[in-house]
Amino acid sequence: MLLCDAAQSIGGKLYVLGGGWSLLRTAGPATMALAVKLSIPWSRSNESHQIEAVLVTAAGDDVQQEGQPVRATGAIEVGRPPGLRQGTPLDAVFVLTFQNLSLEPGGYVWELRERRASETALLAREQFQVIR
């Protein structure tokens, strides 16, 4: 997972602008994107994966905007293409864009999680700082 100013997912590839930062200088609402590449194990292909990205403070508290936690949820499913060698992991790429985030100075963490029937697995964490 990569923090960036903007990104697109086209044809299984990520196109990233202003990527790889961990320090955000802002005096107002910010826009940011998460460029994500997951490696899905062969044994977990052809099944739905429930994914969520959640913005939390460095202390682990959910970041709220207009009374709601800052998060995105969705499902991904990757199929096995014909001719792929058995056991080969499969790529899943996607972009999540968040606009008009009003963040106070301090530390933050984007957490990417997979929700399963009885548990939640942490897939990635990306930390950043907001300064004025």
N, C-alpha and C. Protein backbone atom coordinates (compact mmCIF):
# COMPACT_ATOMS: atom_id res chain seq x y z
N MET A 1 0.86 -1.17 0.00
CA MET A 1 0.00 0.00 0.00
C MET A 1 0.91 1.23 0.00
N LEU A 2 0.55 2.21 -0.84
CA LEU A 2 1.38 3.39 -1.02
C LEU A 2 0.50 4.64 -0.90
N LEU A 3 0.90 5.58 -0.04
CA LEU A 3 0.22 6.87 0.04
C LEU A 3 0.63 7.72 -1.14
N CYS A 4 -0.34 8.39 -1.77
CA CYS A 4 -0.02 9.22 -2.92
C CYS A 4 -1.03 10.35 -3.05
N ASP A 5 -0.69 11.29 -3.92
CA ASP A 5 -1.59 12.41 -4.19
C ASP A 5 -2.77 11.96 -5.05
N ALA A 6 -2.49 11.09 -6.02
CA ALA A 6 -3.52 10.57 -6.93
C ALA A 6 -3.00 9.29 -7.55
N ALA A 7 -3.92 8.43 -7.98
CA ALA A 7 -3.53 7.18 -8.64
C ALA A 7 -4.70 6.64 -9.44
N GLN A 8 -4.37 5.76 -10.38
CA GLN A 8 -5.38 5.05 -11.17
C GLN A 8 -4.96 3.59 -11.27
N SER A 9 -5.94 2.73 -11.38
CA SER A 9 -5.71 1.31 -11.62
C SER A 9 -6.30 1.00 -13.00
N ILE A 10 -5.41 0.68 -13.95
CA ILE A 10 -5.84 0.41 -15.32
C ILE A 10 -5.15 -0.86 -15.80
N GLY A 11 -5.95 -1.81 -16.24
CA GLY A 11 -5.39 -3.04 -16.82
C GLY A 11 -4.47 -3.80 -15.89
N GLY A 12 -4.76 -3.79 -14.61
CA GLY A 12 -3.95 -4.53 -13.65
C GLY A 12 -2.67 -3.83 -13.24
N LYS A 13 -2.52 -2.56 -13.63
CA LYS A 13 -1.34 -1.78 -13.26
C LYS A 13 -1.76 -0.54 -12.48
N LEU A 14 -0.87 -0.06 -11.61
CA LEU A 14 -1.10 1.16 -10.87
C LEU A 14 -0.32 2.31 -11.51
N TYR A 15 -1.00 3.42 -11.72
CA TYR A 15 -0.37 4.64 -12.22
C TYR A 15 -0.48 5.66 -11.09
N VAL A 16 0.68 6.07 -10.55
CA VAL A 16 0.74 6.84 -9.31
C VAL A 16 1.34 8.22 -9.56
N LEU A 17 0.71 9.25 -8.97
CA LEU A 17 1.23 10.61 -8.99
C LEU A 17 1.52 11.04 -7.56
N GLY A 18 2.69 11.59 -7.33
CA GLY A 18 3.04 12.09 -6.01
C GLY A 18 2.99 11.01 -4.95
N GLY A 19 3.59 9.88 -5.22
CA GLY A 19 3.50 8.74 -4.31
C GLY A 19 4.69 8.57 -3.40
N GLY A 20 4.47 7.89 -2.29
CA GLY A 20 5.53 7.52 -1.39
C GLY A 20 5.81 8.51 -0.28
N TRP A 21 4.88 9.38 0.01
CA TRP A 21 5.12 10.38 1.05
C TRP A 21 4.66 9.87 2.42
N SER A 22 5.19 10.50 3.47
CA SER A 22 4.77 10.20 4.84
C SER A 22 4.60 11.47 5.66
N LEU A 23 4.75 12.63 4.99
CA LEU A 23 4.58 13.92 5.64
C LEU A 23 3.65 14.76 4.79
N LEU A 24 2.54 15.19 5.38
CA LEU A 24 1.53 15.98 4.67
C LEU A 24 1.50 17.38 5.26
N ARG A 25 1.85 18.36 4.45
CA ARG A 25 1.77 19.76 4.86
C ARG A 25 0.46 20.31 4.31
N THR A 26 -0.40 20.75 5.21
CA THR A 26 -1.69 21.26 4.75
C THR A 26 -2.20 22.34 5.68
N ALA A 27 -2.89 23.29 5.11
CA ALA A 27 -3.55 24.34 5.89
C ALA A 27 -5.06 24.23 5.72
N GLY A 28 -5.51 23.21 5.02
CA GLY A 28 -6.94 23.04 4.78
C GLY A 28 -7.24 21.60 4.42
N PRO A 29 -8.43 21.37 3.87
CA PRO A 29 -8.81 20.00 3.50
C PRO A 29 -7.82 19.38 2.52
N ALA A 30 -7.56 18.11 2.71
CA ALA A 30 -6.58 17.39 1.90
C ALA A 30 -7.25 16.29 1.10
N THR A 31 -6.66 15.98 -0.04
CA THR A 31 -7.05 14.83 -0.84
C THR A 31 -5.86 13.90 -0.90
N MET A 32 -6.11 12.61 -0.72
CA MET A 32 -5.04 11.62 -0.81
C MET A 32 -5.61 10.33 -1.37
N ALA A 33 -4.71 9.49 -1.84
CA ALA A 33 -5.13 8.20 -2.38
C ALA A 33 -4.25 7.10 -1.80
N LEU A 34 -4.81 5.92 -1.77
CA LEU A 34 -4.07 4.72 -1.41
C LEU A 34 -3.99 3.85 -2.66
N ALA A 35 -2.78 3.60 -3.13
CA ALA A 35 -2.56 2.70 -4.25
C ALA A 35 -2.22 1.34 -3.64
N VAL A 36 -3.01 0.33 -3.95
CA VAL A 36 -2.89 -0.96 -3.27
C VAL A 36 -2.65 -2.08 -4.28
N LYS A 37 -1.66 -2.92 -3.97
CA LYS A 37 -1.43 -4.15 -4.72
C LYS A 37 -1.41 -5.29 -3.71
N LEU A 38 -2.35 -6.20 -3.87
CA LEU A 38 -2.40 -7.38 -3.02
C LEU A 38 -1.95 -8.59 -3.82
N SER A 39 -1.31 -9.51 -3.16
CA SER A 39 -0.93 -10.78 -3.75
C SER A 39 -1.85 -11.85 -3.15
N ILE A 40 -2.79 -12.32 -3.96
CA ILE A 40 -3.78 -13.28 -3.49
C ILE A 40 -3.22 -14.70 -3.70
N PRO A 41 -3.16 -15.49 -2.64
CA PRO A 41 -2.66 -16.86 -2.80
C PRO A 41 -3.55 -17.67 -3.77
N TRP A 42 -2.93 -18.54 -4.52
CA TRP A 42 -3.63 -19.42 -5.46
C TRP A 42 -4.83 -20.08 -4.79
N SER A 43 -4.64 -20.55 -3.57
CA SER A 43 -5.70 -21.26 -2.85
C SER A 43 -6.88 -20.37 -2.46
N ARG A 44 -6.69 -19.03 -2.53
CA ARG A 44 -7.78 -18.12 -2.15
C ARG A 44 -8.33 -17.36 -3.36
N SER A 45 -7.95 -17.80 -4.56
CA SER A 45 -8.51 -17.19 -5.76
C SER A 45 -9.94 -17.69 -5.93
N ASN A 46 -10.69 -17.00 -6.78
CA ASN A 46 -12.09 -17.35 -7.06
C ASN A 46 -12.97 -17.33 -5.81
N GLU A 47 -12.60 -16.50 -4.83
CA GLU A 47 -13.47 -16.27 -3.67
C GLU A 47 -13.47 -14.78 -3.36
N SER A 48 -14.54 -14.33 -2.76
CA SER A 48 -14.69 -12.91 -2.44
C SER A 48 -13.89 -12.56 -1.18
N HIS A 49 -13.17 -11.45 -1.26
CA HIS A 49 -12.39 -10.95 -0.13
C HIS A 49 -12.99 -9.60 0.28
N GLN A 50 -13.44 -9.50 1.52
CA GLN A 50 -14.03 -8.27 2.04
C GLN A 50 -12.91 -7.39 2.60
N ILE A 51 -12.68 -6.25 1.95
CA ILE A 51 -11.56 -5.39 2.27
C ILE A 51 -12.08 -4.07 2.85
N GLU A 52 -11.36 -3.54 3.84
CA GLU A 52 -11.67 -2.21 4.35
C GLU A 52 -10.37 -1.45 4.63
N ALA A 53 -10.40 -0.16 4.33
CA ALA A 53 -9.31 0.75 4.67
C ALA A 53 -9.86 1.71 5.71
N VAL A 54 -9.14 1.85 6.81
CA VAL A 54 -9.60 2.67 7.92
C VAL A 54 -8.49 3.63 8.31
N LEU A 55 -8.85 4.90 8.51
CA LEU A 55 -7.89 5.90 8.97
C LEU A 55 -8.02 6.02 10.48
N VAL A 56 -6.90 5.81 11.18
CA VAL A 56 -6.87 5.92 12.63
C VAL A 56 -5.77 6.88 13.05
N THR A 57 -5.88 7.39 14.26
CA THR A 57 -4.83 8.23 14.81
C THR A 57 -3.66 7.34 15.23
N ALA A 58 -2.53 7.97 15.55
CA ALA A 58 -1.36 7.22 16.02
C ALA A 58 -1.69 6.44 17.29
N ALA A 59 -2.69 6.90 18.05
CA ALA A 59 -3.11 6.21 19.27
C ALA A 59 -4.09 5.08 18.99
N GLY A 60 -4.51 4.92 17.72
CA GLY A 60 -5.41 3.83 17.35
C GLY A 60 -6.88 4.17 17.34
N ASP A 61 -7.25 5.44 17.55
CA ASP A 61 -8.65 5.84 17.52
C ASP A 61 -9.10 6.13 16.09
N ASP A 62 -10.35 5.75 15.77
CA ASP A 62 -10.89 6.06 14.44
C ASP A 62 -10.92 7.56 14.22
N VAL A 63 -10.53 8.00 13.03
CA VAL A 63 -10.63 9.40 12.65
C VAL A 63 -12.06 9.63 12.16
N GLN A 64 -12.69 10.66 12.67
CA GLN A 64 -14.08 10.97 12.33
C GLN A 64 -14.14 12.20 11.42
N GLN A 65 -15.01 12.17 10.43
CA GLN A 65 -15.34 13.31 9.59
C GLN A 65 -16.85 13.37 9.51
N GLU A 66 -17.42 14.48 9.90
CA GLU A 66 -18.87 14.67 9.90
C GLU A 66 -19.57 13.54 10.66
N GLY A 67 -18.98 13.15 11.79
CA GLY A 67 -19.59 12.15 12.67
C GLY A 67 -19.45 10.71 12.21
N GLN A 68 -18.71 10.47 11.13
CA GLN A 68 -18.54 9.11 10.61
C GLN A 68 -17.05 8.78 10.53
N PRO A 69 -16.69 7.51 10.78
CA PRO A 69 -15.29 7.13 10.63
C PRO A 69 -14.86 7.24 9.17
N VAL A 70 -13.60 7.62 8.95
CA VAL A 70 -13.05 7.69 7.60
C VAL A 70 -12.64 6.27 7.21
N ARG A 71 -13.37 5.70 6.26
CA ARG A 71 -13.11 4.33 5.83
C ARG A 71 -13.73 4.07 4.48
N ALA A 72 -13.24 3.05 3.84
CA ALA A 72 -13.82 2.56 2.59
C ALA A 72 -13.89 1.05 2.69
N THR A 73 -14.98 0.48 2.20
CA THR A 73 -15.14 -0.97 2.22
C THR A 73 -15.54 -1.46 0.84
N GLY A 74 -15.24 -2.71 0.57
CA GLY A 74 -15.62 -3.30 -0.70
C GLY A 74 -15.16 -4.74 -0.77
N ALA A 75 -15.44 -5.36 -1.88
CA ALA A 75 -15.06 -6.76 -2.09
C ALA A 75 -14.23 -6.87 -3.36
N ILE A 76 -13.25 -7.75 -3.33
CA ILE A 76 -12.48 -8.06 -4.53
C ILE A 76 -12.49 -9.58 -4.71
N GLU A 77 -12.43 -9.98 -5.96
CA GLU A 77 -12.34 -11.40 -6.27
C GLU A 77 -11.44 -11.54 -7.49
N VAL A 78 -10.46 -12.42 -7.40
CA VAL A 78 -9.51 -12.62 -8.48
C VAL A 78 -9.64 -14.04 -8.98
N GLY A 79 -9.84 -14.16 -10.29
CA GLY A 79 -9.94 -15.48 -10.91
C GLY A 79 -8.62 -15.94 -11.48
N ARG A 80 -8.51 -17.23 -11.70
CA ARG A 80 -7.30 -17.81 -12.26
C ARG A 80 -7.38 -17.78 -13.79
N PRO A 81 -6.46 -17.08 -14.44
CA PRO A 81 -6.48 -17.08 -15.90
C PRO A 81 -6.01 -18.42 -16.47
N PRO A 82 -6.52 -18.80 -17.64
CA PRO A 82 -6.07 -20.06 -18.25
C PRO A 82 -4.57 -20.05 -18.49
N GLY A 83 -3.93 -21.18 -18.27
CA GLY A 83 -2.51 -21.33 -18.55
C GLY A 83 -1.58 -20.88 -17.44
N LEU A 84 -2.11 -20.31 -16.36
CA LEU A 84 -1.26 -19.87 -15.26
C LEU A 84 -0.76 -21.10 -14.49
N ARG A 85 0.53 -21.10 -14.19
CA ARG A 85 1.12 -22.23 -13.46
C ARG A 85 0.45 -22.37 -12.09
N GLN A 86 0.08 -23.58 -11.72
CA GLN A 86 -0.58 -23.84 -10.45
C GLN A 86 0.30 -23.38 -9.30
N GLY A 87 -0.32 -22.69 -8.32
CA GLY A 87 0.39 -22.19 -7.15
C GLY A 87 0.84 -20.75 -7.28
N THR A 88 0.73 -20.17 -8.48
CA THR A 88 1.16 -18.79 -8.70
C THR A 88 0.23 -17.82 -7.98
N PRO A 89 0.76 -16.90 -7.16
CA PRO A 89 -0.10 -15.88 -6.54
C PRO A 89 -0.68 -14.97 -7.62
N LEU A 90 -1.84 -14.41 -7.35
CA LEU A 90 -2.53 -13.54 -8.29
C LEU A 90 -2.55 -12.11 -7.77
N ASP A 91 -2.28 -11.15 -8.66
CA ASP A 91 -2.28 -9.74 -8.29
C ASP A 91 -3.71 -9.18 -8.26
N ALA A 92 -3.96 -8.33 -7.27
CA ALA A 92 -5.20 -7.55 -7.21
C ALA A 92 -4.77 -6.11 -6.92
N VAL A 93 -5.03 -5.21 -7.87
CA VAL A 93 -4.66 -3.81 -7.69
C VAL A 93 -5.91 -2.94 -7.69
N PHE A 94 -5.88 -1.93 -6.82
CA PHE A 94 -6.99 -0.98 -6.76
C PHE A 94 -6.53 0.29 -6.10
N VAL A 95 -7.34 1.34 -6.26
CA VAL A 95 -7.03 2.66 -5.71
C VAL A 95 -8.23 3.13 -4.90
N LEU A 96 -7.96 3.69 -3.74
CA LEU A 96 -8.99 4.33 -2.92
C LEU A 96 -8.61 5.80 -2.77
N THR A 97 -9.53 6.69 -3.14
CA THR A 97 -9.27 8.12 -3.05
C THR A 97 -10.16 8.74 -1.99
N PHE A 98 -9.56 9.59 -1.17
CA PHE A 98 -10.27 10.27 -0.09
C PHE A 98 -10.11 11.77 -0.29
N GLN A 99 -11.23 12.48 -0.38
CA GLN A 99 -11.20 13.92 -0.65
C GLN A 99 -11.70 14.70 0.55
N ASN A 100 -11.23 15.95 0.64
CA ASN A 100 -11.69 16.90 1.66
C ASN A 100 -11.52 16.40 3.08
N LEU A 101 -10.38 15.78 3.36
CA LEU A 101 -10.10 15.33 4.73
C LEU A 101 -9.56 16.51 5.54
N SER A 102 -10.22 16.82 6.62
CA SER A 102 -9.76 17.88 7.53
C SER A 102 -9.03 17.20 8.68
N LEU A 103 -7.72 17.20 8.61
CA LEU A 103 -6.91 16.50 9.60
C LEU A 103 -6.11 17.49 10.43
N GLU A 104 -6.19 17.33 11.73
CA GLU A 104 -5.40 18.14 12.65
C GLU A 104 -3.95 17.69 12.60
N PRO A 105 -3.01 18.57 12.95
CA PRO A 105 -1.61 18.13 13.01
C PRO A 105 -1.46 16.94 13.96
N GLY A 106 -0.63 16.00 13.56
CA GLY A 106 -0.40 14.81 14.38
C GLY A 106 -0.12 13.61 13.52
N GLY A 107 -0.07 12.44 14.18
CA GLY A 107 0.23 11.18 13.51
C GLY A 107 -1.02 10.41 13.16
N TYR A 108 -0.97 9.76 12.00
CA TYR A 108 -2.10 8.97 11.50
C TYR A 108 -1.59 7.68 10.88
N VAL A 109 -2.51 6.72 10.76
CA VAL A 109 -2.18 5.43 10.16
C VAL A 109 -3.36 4.98 9.30
N TRP A 110 -3.08 4.62 8.05
CA TRP A 110 -4.07 3.92 7.23
C TRP A 110 -3.87 2.44 7.47
N GLU A 111 -4.94 1.74 7.81
CA GLU A 111 -4.89 0.29 7.99
C GLU A 111 -5.75 -0.36 6.93
N LEU A 112 -5.18 -1.32 6.24
CA LEU A 112 -5.92 -2.10 5.26
C LEU A 112 -6.18 -3.47 5.88
N ARG A 113 -7.46 -3.83 5.94
CA ARG A 113 -7.86 -5.06 6.64
C ARG A 113 -8.72 -5.93 5.73
N GLU A 114 -8.67 -7.23 6.00
CA GLU A 114 -9.60 -8.15 5.36
C GLU A 114 -10.53 -8.69 6.43
N ARG A 115 -11.82 -8.51 6.20
CA ARG A 115 -12.82 -9.03 7.15
C ARG A 115 -13.21 -10.43 6.73
N ARG A 116 -13.01 -11.37 7.65
CA ARG A 116 -13.40 -12.76 7.42
C ARG A 116 -14.53 -13.09 8.37
N ALA A 117 -15.08 -14.27 8.27
CA ALA A 117 -16.27 -14.64 9.04
C ALA A 117 -16.17 -14.27 10.51
N SER A 118 -15.10 -14.68 11.18
CA SER A 118 -15.04 -14.45 12.62
C SER A 118 -13.84 -13.61 13.06
N GLU A 119 -13.10 -13.05 12.09
CA GLU A 119 -11.92 -12.28 12.46
C GLU A 119 -11.61 -11.23 11.40
N THR A 120 -10.70 -10.35 11.76
CA THR A 120 -10.22 -9.34 10.83
C THR A 120 -8.71 -9.45 10.77
N ALA A 121 -8.17 -9.56 9.55
CA ALA A 121 -6.73 -9.68 9.37
C ALA A 121 -6.17 -8.35 8.87
N LEU A 122 -5.10 -7.90 9.48
CA LEU A 122 -4.42 -6.68 9.05
C LEU A 122 -3.53 -7.03 7.87
N LEU A 123 -3.75 -6.36 6.72
CA LEU A 123 -2.98 -6.63 5.51
C LEU A 123 -1.82 -5.65 5.34
N ALA A 124 -2.05 -4.39 5.71
CA ALA A 124 -1.00 -3.37 5.53
C ALA A 124 -1.28 -2.20 6.44
N ARG A 125 -0.21 -1.48 6.78
CA ARG A 125 -0.30 -0.24 7.56
C ARG A 125 0.61 0.79 6.94
N GLU A 126 0.13 2.00 6.83
CA GLU A 126 0.96 3.09 6.30
C GLU A 126 0.80 4.30 7.20
N GLN A 127 1.89 4.73 7.83
CA GLN A 127 1.86 5.86 8.77
C GLN A 127 2.21 7.15 8.06
N PHE A 128 1.63 8.26 8.55
CA PHE A 128 2.01 9.58 8.05
C PHE A 128 1.75 10.62 9.12
N GLN A 129 2.39 11.77 8.95
CA GLN A 129 2.26 12.89 9.86
C GLN A 129 1.64 14.08 9.11
N VAL A 130 0.79 14.83 9.81
CA VAL A 130 0.24 16.07 9.27
C VAL A 130 0.87 17.23 10.02
N ILE A 131 1.40 18.19 9.27
CA ILE A 131 1.95 19.39 9.88
C ILE A 131 1.38 20.60 9.13
N ARG A 132 1.42 21.73 9.76
CA ARG A 132 0.95 22.98 9.12
C ARG A 132 2.12 23.72 8.53
